[in-house]
């Protein structure tokens, strides 16, 4: 491990999400980890950060005229990241692979003259000490490695790249403010609609386990949701199922791209559009009553059968196994 500084971008949530804890785990393998945030971390968040080896959190002090949603515009976040890198002389910036973070990271990378890698599946250093980001491309069909040759490397990393691990010893975390000047002309936020998160399920983008339903559900997502609850999984759908009005979020090239440790597709044929959004999953299980379904070509485990019969039985066995532990 070289003597480099790794700056991890925090989200504004009171609780540090699993995807950020993964970044801290990756960062500790590369150097000394620090964090940057736009909002004051809660006491609980500071405790989590300290447990994962973060001694310093750099909190941006933005101009007074920036209020509310305007504080989190991509251009503003990019200015914060660039200022934090210059302040800390950081060598690496790691951010979650959300749509907002990708845009902010790209803008920050341009301002810093940094090498930018989006949607990395892994981060390491080569024999020369350069940062290398691995990616799955072409709908998960190819694995690639990209080496950053600039002084600063900026990466967004997909959720579930590693299993989060606390540091060997917890540290005391201090918050240091730093002033950020926002020089760019900013758009005005005219309206914003928040969607309530299901507190009982992980978010689709970050979930380690995803269960998705397709046309084979015939509109009844009950077995899919019950099976997901037994696993502690997020729930998604195919694009066709969403277009039919059966569910609200779909996995695919133009929808949500996921790479969980376990992906279960129920009643999904496996069209190229859907495969492009989930083929990078570590383990793929498919349940379909058509033995010729294309999804069976890429899955690790195939179950030929009616999902309305298979999923309830599987959920029952999983719950019984958990109860016996």
Protein backbone atom coordinates (compact mmCIF):
# COMPACT_ATOMS: atom_id res chain seq x y z
CA UNK A 1 0.00 0.00 0.00
CA UNK A 2 1.42 3.40 -0.98
CA UNK A 3 1.26 6.57 1.08
CA UNK A 4 -1.67 8.03 -0.84
CA UNK A 5 -4.80 9.84 0.31
CA UNK A 6 -8.16 8.40 -0.74
CA UNK A 7 -11.15 10.73 -0.55
CA UNK A 8 -14.58 9.08 -0.28
CA UNK A 9 -17.74 11.02 -1.10
CA UNK A 10 -20.51 10.67 1.46
CA UNK A 11 -24.21 10.89 0.69
CA UNK A 12 -26.37 13.27 2.75
CA UNK A 13 -28.15 10.48 4.62
CA UNK A 14 -27.92 10.34 8.41
CA UNK A 15 -26.80 6.72 8.16
CA UNK A 16 -23.74 5.73 6.14
CA UNK A 17 -25.02 3.32 3.49
CA UNK A 18 -23.47 -0.02 2.70
CA UNK A 19 -22.21 1.23 -0.67
CA UNK A 20 -20.16 3.93 1.10
CA UNK A 21 -18.80 1.42 3.62
CA UNK A 22 -17.64 -0.62 0.62
CA UNK A 23 -15.78 2.41 -0.70
CA UNK A 24 -14.09 2.89 2.67
CA UNK A 25 -13.04 -0.77 2.64
CA UNK A 26 -11.58 -0.37 -0.86
CA UNK A 27 -9.94 2.93 0.10
CA UNK A 28 -8.11 1.49 3.11
CA UNK A 29 -6.41 -1.02 0.82
CA UNK A 30 -5.09 1.88 -1.26
CA UNK A 31 -4.00 4.39 1.39
CA UNK A 32 -5.23 6.73 4.11
CA UNK A 33 -8.97 7.27 3.87
CA UNK A 34 -10.70 10.61 4.41
CA UNK A 35 -14.25 11.67 3.58
CA UNK A 36 -15.98 14.71 2.06
CA UNK A 37 -19.57 15.77 2.65
CA UNK A 38 -21.95 18.64 1.98
CA UNK A 39 -23.91 18.18 5.19
CA UNK A 40 -22.99 17.80 8.85
CA UNK A 41 -22.66 14.08 9.68
CA UNK A 42 -24.84 12.74 12.48
CA UNK A 43 -23.33 11.25 15.63
CA UNK A 44 -24.28 7.79 14.36
CA UNK A 45 -22.61 8.44 11.02
CA UNK A 46 -19.40 9.63 12.70
CA UNK A 47 -19.32 6.44 14.77
CA UNK A 48 -19.67 4.34 11.61
CA UNK A 49 -16.94 6.29 9.86
CA UNK A 50 -14.61 5.96 12.84
CA UNK A 51 -15.17 2.21 12.90
CA UNK A 52 -14.07 2.11 9.26
CA UNK A 53 -10.87 4.08 9.81
CA UNK A 54 -11.88 7.61 8.79
CA UNK A 55 -10.08 10.16 10.96
CA UNK A 56 -11.15 13.29 9.07
CA UNK A 57 -14.39 14.36 7.41
CA UNK A 58 -14.15 17.51 5.27
CA UNK A 59 -17.48 19.36 5.39
CA UNK A 60 -18.10 21.89 2.63
CA UNK A 61 -19.12 25.42 3.64
CA UNK A 62 -21.13 26.68 0.67
CA UNK A 63 -22.21 30.24 -0.15
CA UNK A 64 -25.25 31.39 1.81
CA UNK A 65 -27.34 31.89 -1.33
CA UNK A 66 -27.20 28.17 -2.02
CA UNK A 67 -30.07 26.65 -0.08
CA UNK A 68 -32.10 23.46 -0.07
CA UNK A 69 -31.98 21.30 -3.20
CA UNK A 70 -29.63 23.71 -4.96
CA UNK A 71 -26.84 22.57 -2.62
CA UNK A 72 -26.89 19.13 -4.19
CA UNK A 73 -26.87 20.03 -7.86
CA UNK A 74 -24.19 18.14 -9.79
CA UNK A 75 -22.25 21.31 -10.57
CA UNK A 76 -22.10 22.21 -6.88
CA UNK A 77 -21.03 18.72 -5.82
CA UNK A 78 -18.33 18.80 -8.49
CA UNK A 79 -16.98 22.09 -7.12
CA UNK A 80 -16.93 20.56 -3.65
CA UNK A 81 -15.06 17.47 -4.81
CA UNK A 82 -12.50 19.49 -6.75
CA UNK A 83 -11.93 21.85 -3.80
CA UNK A 84 -11.60 18.91 -1.40
CA UNK A 85 -9.00 17.23 -3.62
CA UNK A 86 -6.95 20.42 -3.80
CA UNK A 87 -7.27 20.92 -0.03
CA UNK A 88 -6.23 17.36 0.90
CA UNK A 89 -3.89 16.70 -2.02
CA UNK A 90 -5.85 13.48 -2.51
CA UNK A 91 -4.67 10.97 -5.09
CA UNK A 92 -7.91 9.01 -5.43
CA UNK A 93 -11.59 9.96 -5.22
CA UNK A 94 -14.18 7.20 -4.74
CA UNK A 95 -17.93 7.79 -5.08
CA UNK A 96 -21.02 5.56 -5.23
CA UNK A 97 -22.21 4.73 -8.73
CA UNK A 98 -25.46 6.71 -8.63
CA UNK A 99 -26.68 8.85 -11.53
CA UNK A 100 -26.05 12.06 -9.57
CA UNK A 101 -22.57 10.98 -8.44
CA UNK A 102 -21.54 9.98 -11.96
CA UNK A 103 -22.36 13.43 -13.31
CA UNK A 104 -20.64 15.22 -10.43
CA UNK A 105 -17.54 13.03 -10.69
CA UNK A 106 -17.26 13.65 -14.43
CA UNK A 107 -17.39 17.42 -13.91
CA UNK A 108 -14.88 17.24 -11.06
CA UNK A 109 -12.56 15.08 -13.13
CA UNK A 110 -12.57 17.63 -15.93
CA UNK A 111 -11.78 20.46 -13.49
CA UNK A 112 -8.92 18.48 -11.94
CA UNK A 113 -7.50 17.04 -15.16
CA UNK A 114 -8.03 13.63 -13.57
CA UNK A 115 -8.56 10.20 -15.03
CA UNK A 116 -12.19 9.15 -14.59
CA UNK A 117 -13.60 5.62 -14.48
CA UNK A 118 -17.36 5.18 -14.17
CA UNK A 119 -19.09 2.04 -12.85
CA UNK A 120 -15.94 0.24 -11.73
CA UNK A 121 -16.53 -3.27 -10.42
CA UNK A 122 -13.19 -3.29 -8.59
CA UNK A 123 -10.30 -0.96 -7.73
CA UNK A 124 -6.68 -1.92 -7.10
CA UNK A 125 -3.15 -0.74 -7.85
CA UNK A 126 -0.70 -2.25 -10.32
CA UNK A 127 3.00 -3.01 -9.88
CA UNK A 128 3.87 0.61 -10.70
CA UNK A 129 1.49 1.97 -8.08
CA UNK A 130 -1.08 3.19 -10.61
CA UNK A 131 -4.79 2.90 -9.91
CA UNK A 132 -6.57 0.25 -11.98
CA UNK A 133 -10.33 0.03 -12.31
CA UNK A 134 -11.98 -3.15 -13.57
CA UNK A 135 -15.30 -2.95 -15.41
CA UNK A 136 -17.83 -5.27 -16.96
CA UNK A 137 -18.90 -3.97 -20.35
CA UNK A 138 -21.09 -5.00 -23.30
CA UNK A 139 -23.92 -6.08 -20.99
CA UNK A 140 -21.56 -7.95 -18.70
CA UNK A 141 -20.04 -10.03 -21.50
CA UNK A 142 -16.46 -8.68 -21.20
CA UNK A 143 -14.22 -7.81 -18.24
CA UNK A 144 -11.85 -4.90 -18.82
CA UNK A 145 -9.08 -3.20 -16.84
CA UNK A 146 -8.29 0.51 -17.17
CA UNK A 147 -5.16 2.09 -15.70
CA UNK A 148 -5.26 5.75 -14.64
CA UNK A 149 -2.07 7.52 -15.74
CA UNK A 150 -2.90 10.98 -14.37
CA UNK A 151 -1.90 12.18 -10.90
CA UNK A 152 -5.50 11.99 -9.64
CA UNK A 153 -7.84 9.07 -10.20
CA UNK A 154 -11.60 9.58 -9.84
CA UNK A 155 -13.90 6.56 -9.83
CA UNK A 156 -17.50 5.63 -9.17
CA UNK A 157 -17.76 2.06 -7.91
CA UNK A 158 -20.75 -0.23 -8.28
CA UNK A 159 -22.43 -1.50 -5.14
CA UNK A 160 -21.45 -5.02 -4.02
CA UNK A 161 -17.92 -4.69 -5.35
CA UNK A 162 -16.60 -5.89 -1.97
CA UNK A 163 -17.99 -6.96 1.39
CA UNK A 164 -17.72 -3.98 3.80
CA UNK A 165 -15.21 -4.58 6.58
CA UNK A 166 -14.45 -2.32 9.56
CA UNK A 167 -10.89 -1.23 10.25
CA UNK A 168 -8.72 -3.29 12.59
CA UNK A 169 -9.04 -0.51 15.15
CA UNK A 170 -11.64 2.24 15.38
CA UNK A 171 -10.45 5.85 15.33
CA UNK A 172 -11.83 9.18 16.51
CA UNK A 173 -13.37 11.10 13.60
CA UNK A 174 -13.04 14.87 13.41
CA UNK A 175 -15.05 17.18 11.14
CA UNK A 176 -13.19 20.04 9.46
CA UNK A 177 -15.03 22.73 7.52
CA UNK A 178 -13.68 24.24 4.33
CA UNK A 179 -15.03 27.08 2.23
CA UNK A 180 -16.13 26.33 -1.33
CA UNK A 181 -16.69 29.00 -3.94
CA UNK A 182 -19.18 28.08 -6.64
CA UNK A 183 -18.34 30.04 -9.74
CA UNK A 184 -20.46 28.29 -12.33
CA UNK A 185 -23.86 29.62 -13.34
CA UNK A 186 -26.32 27.23 -11.75
CA UNK A 187 -29.76 26.11 -12.86
CA UNK A 188 -32.70 26.82 -10.59
CA UNK A 189 -34.53 23.96 -8.90
CA UNK A 190 -38.20 24.68 -9.57
CA UNK A 191 -39.69 21.50 -8.11
CA UNK A 192 -38.67 18.24 -6.55
CA UNK A 193 -40.70 15.11 -5.87
CA UNK A 194 -39.49 12.69 -3.25
CA UNK A 195 -40.35 9.03 -3.40
CA UNK A 196 -40.66 7.22 -0.10
CA UNK A 197 -38.20 4.38 0.36
CA UNK A 198 -39.45 1.06 1.63
CA UNK A 199 -37.65 0.85 4.95
CA UNK A 200 -38.16 -2.91 5.07
CA UNK A 201 -36.24 -3.55 1.84
CA UNK A 202 -32.83 -2.44 0.52
CA UNK A 203 -32.69 -0.10 -2.45
CA UNK A 204 -32.60 -1.80 -5.85
CA UNK A 205 -29.32 -0.14 -6.88
CA UNK A 206 -27.41 -1.19 -3.76
CA UNK A 207 -29.01 -4.49 -2.77
CA UNK A 208 -26.79 -7.54 -2.37
CA UNK A 209 -29.76 -9.72 -3.37
CA UNK A 210 -32.32 -8.80 -6.04
CA UNK A 211 -35.49 -10.69 -6.99
CA UNK A 212 -37.20 -9.56 -10.20
CA UNK A 213 -40.46 -10.58 -11.83
CA UNK A 214 -41.48 -10.48 -15.46
CA UNK A 215 -44.39 -11.35 -17.74
CA UNK A 216 -44.58 -14.77 -16.15
CA UNK A 217 -46.06 -13.19 -13.03
CA UNK A 218 -49.14 -12.26 -15.09
CA UNK A 219 -49.41 -9.18 -12.91
CA UNK A 220 -49.28 -10.97 -9.55
CA UNK A 221 -46.06 -9.88 -7.83
CA UNK A 222 -47.14 -11.43 -4.51
CA UNK A 223 -44.92 -14.54 -4.80
CA UNK A 224 -41.99 -12.39 -5.96
CA UNK A 225 -42.32 -9.96 -3.05
CA UNK A 226 -42.85 -12.71 -0.48
CA UNK A 227 -39.77 -14.58 -1.72
CA UNK A 228 -37.77 -11.33 -1.64
CA UNK A 229 -38.87 -10.70 1.95
CA UNK A 230 -37.70 -14.18 2.94
CA UNK A 231 -34.26 -13.40 1.47
CA UNK A 232 -34.08 -9.78 2.62
CA UNK A 233 -33.84 -8.78 -1.04
CA UNK A 234 -34.80 -5.80 -3.17
CA UNK A 235 -37.57 -6.23 -5.74
CA UNK A 236 -37.40 -5.28 -9.41
CA UNK A 237 -39.10 -6.16 -12.65
CA UNK A 238 -38.58 -6.53 -16.36
CA UNK A 239 -39.40 -3.58 -18.61
CA UNK A 240 -42.46 -5.33 -20.02
CA UNK A 241 -43.86 -5.86 -16.52
CA UNK A 242 -43.46 -2.16 -15.72
CA UNK A 243 -45.00 -1.11 -19.03
CA UNK A 244 -47.99 -3.30 -18.18
CA UNK A 245 -48.35 -1.33 -14.94
CA UNK A 246 -47.58 -4.29 -12.68
CA UNK A 247 -44.53 -2.74 -10.99
CA UNK A 248 -42.77 0.62 -10.86
CA UNK A 249 -39.04 -0.03 -11.47
CA UNK A 250 -37.39 -2.24 -14.05
CA UNK A 251 -33.94 -3.72 -14.47
CA UNK A 252 -32.42 -3.22 -17.91
CA UNK A 253 -30.19 -1.15 -20.15
CA UNK A 254 -32.51 1.87 -19.98
CA UNK A 255 -33.67 1.18 -16.43
CA UNK A 256 -31.74 0.27 -13.29
CA UNK A 257 -28.43 -1.54 -13.80
CA UNK A 258 -27.64 -3.89 -10.92
CA UNK A 259 -24.76 -6.18 -9.98
CA UNK A 260 -25.86 -7.97 -6.80
CA UNK A 261 -24.22 -11.00 -5.28
CA UNK A 262 -27.41 -12.95 -6.03
CA UNK A 263 -29.98 -12.21 -8.73
CA UNK A 264 -33.19 -14.21 -9.06
CA UNK A 265 -35.25 -13.69 -12.20
CA UNK A 266 -38.76 -15.12 -11.98
CA UNK A 267 -40.92 -15.36 -15.08
CA UNK A 268 -38.40 -13.35 -17.09
CA UNK A 269 -37.46 -14.61 -20.54
CA UNK A 270 -34.08 -12.88 -20.67
CA UNK A 271 -34.34 -10.41 -23.54
CA UNK A 272 -31.10 -8.55 -24.42
CA UNK A 273 -32.44 -5.34 -22.86
CA UNK A 274 -32.97 -7.04 -19.50
CA UNK A 275 -29.72 -8.99 -19.63
CA UNK A 276 -27.84 -5.74 -20.14
CA UNK A 277 -29.02 -4.54 -16.75
CA UNK A 278 -28.25 -7.63 -14.65
CA UNK A 279 -25.73 -9.84 -16.42
CA UNK A 280 -22.89 -8.57 -14.20
CA UNK A 281 -24.53 -10.23 -11.16
CA UNK A 282 -22.24 -12.66 -9.34
CA UNK A 283 -24.76 -15.52 -9.16
CA UNK A 284 -27.86 -15.70 -11.37
CA UNK A 285 -30.85 -17.94 -10.65
CA UNK A 286 -33.67 -18.18 -13.20
CA UNK A 287 -37.19 -19.54 -12.66
CA UNK A 288 -39.21 -20.00 -15.84
CA UNK A 289 -41.73 -22.54 -17.13
CA UNK A 290 -40.20 -22.35 -20.63
CA UNK A 291 -37.10 -24.61 -20.82
CA UNK A 292 -35.98 -22.70 -23.92
CA UNK A 293 -36.01 -19.26 -22.22
CA UNK A 294 -32.88 -17.25 -23.22
CA UNK A 295 -32.15 -16.39 -19.59
CA UNK A 296 -31.17 -20.03 -19.02
CA UNK A 297 -28.16 -19.43 -21.29
CA UNK A 298 -26.54 -17.07 -18.77
CA UNK A 299 -27.82 -18.27 -15.40
CA UNK A 300 -25.83 -20.29 -12.86
CA UNK A 301 -28.88 -22.20 -11.63
CA UNK A 302 -32.00 -22.88 -13.68
CA UNK A 303 -35.38 -23.91 -12.30
CA UNK A 304 -37.96 -24.99 -14.90
CA UNK A 305 -41.35 -24.50 -13.31
CA UNK A 306 -44.19 -22.13 -12.53
CA UNK A 307 -42.97 -19.31 -10.31
CA UNK A 308 -46.30 -19.36 -8.43
CA UNK A 309 -45.38 -22.89 -7.27
CA UNK A 310 -41.59 -22.57 -6.99
CA UNK A 311 -41.20 -19.26 -5.12
CA UNK A 312 -43.60 -19.98 -2.21
CA UNK A 313 -41.92 -23.35 -1.59
CA UNK A 314 -38.48 -21.74 -1.72
CA UNK A 315 -39.58 -18.96 0.65
CA UNK A 316 -40.92 -21.52 3.11
CA UNK A 317 -37.65 -23.47 3.11
CA UNK A 318 -35.59 -20.29 3.54
CA UNK A 319 -37.66 -19.13 6.50
CA UNK A 320 -37.44 -22.58 8.10
CA UNK A 321 -33.67 -22.56 7.63
CA UNK A 322 -33.37 -19.12 9.23
CA UNK A 323 -35.57 -20.16 12.15
CA UNK A 324 -33.41 -23.23 12.80
CA UNK A 325 -30.17 -21.25 12.96
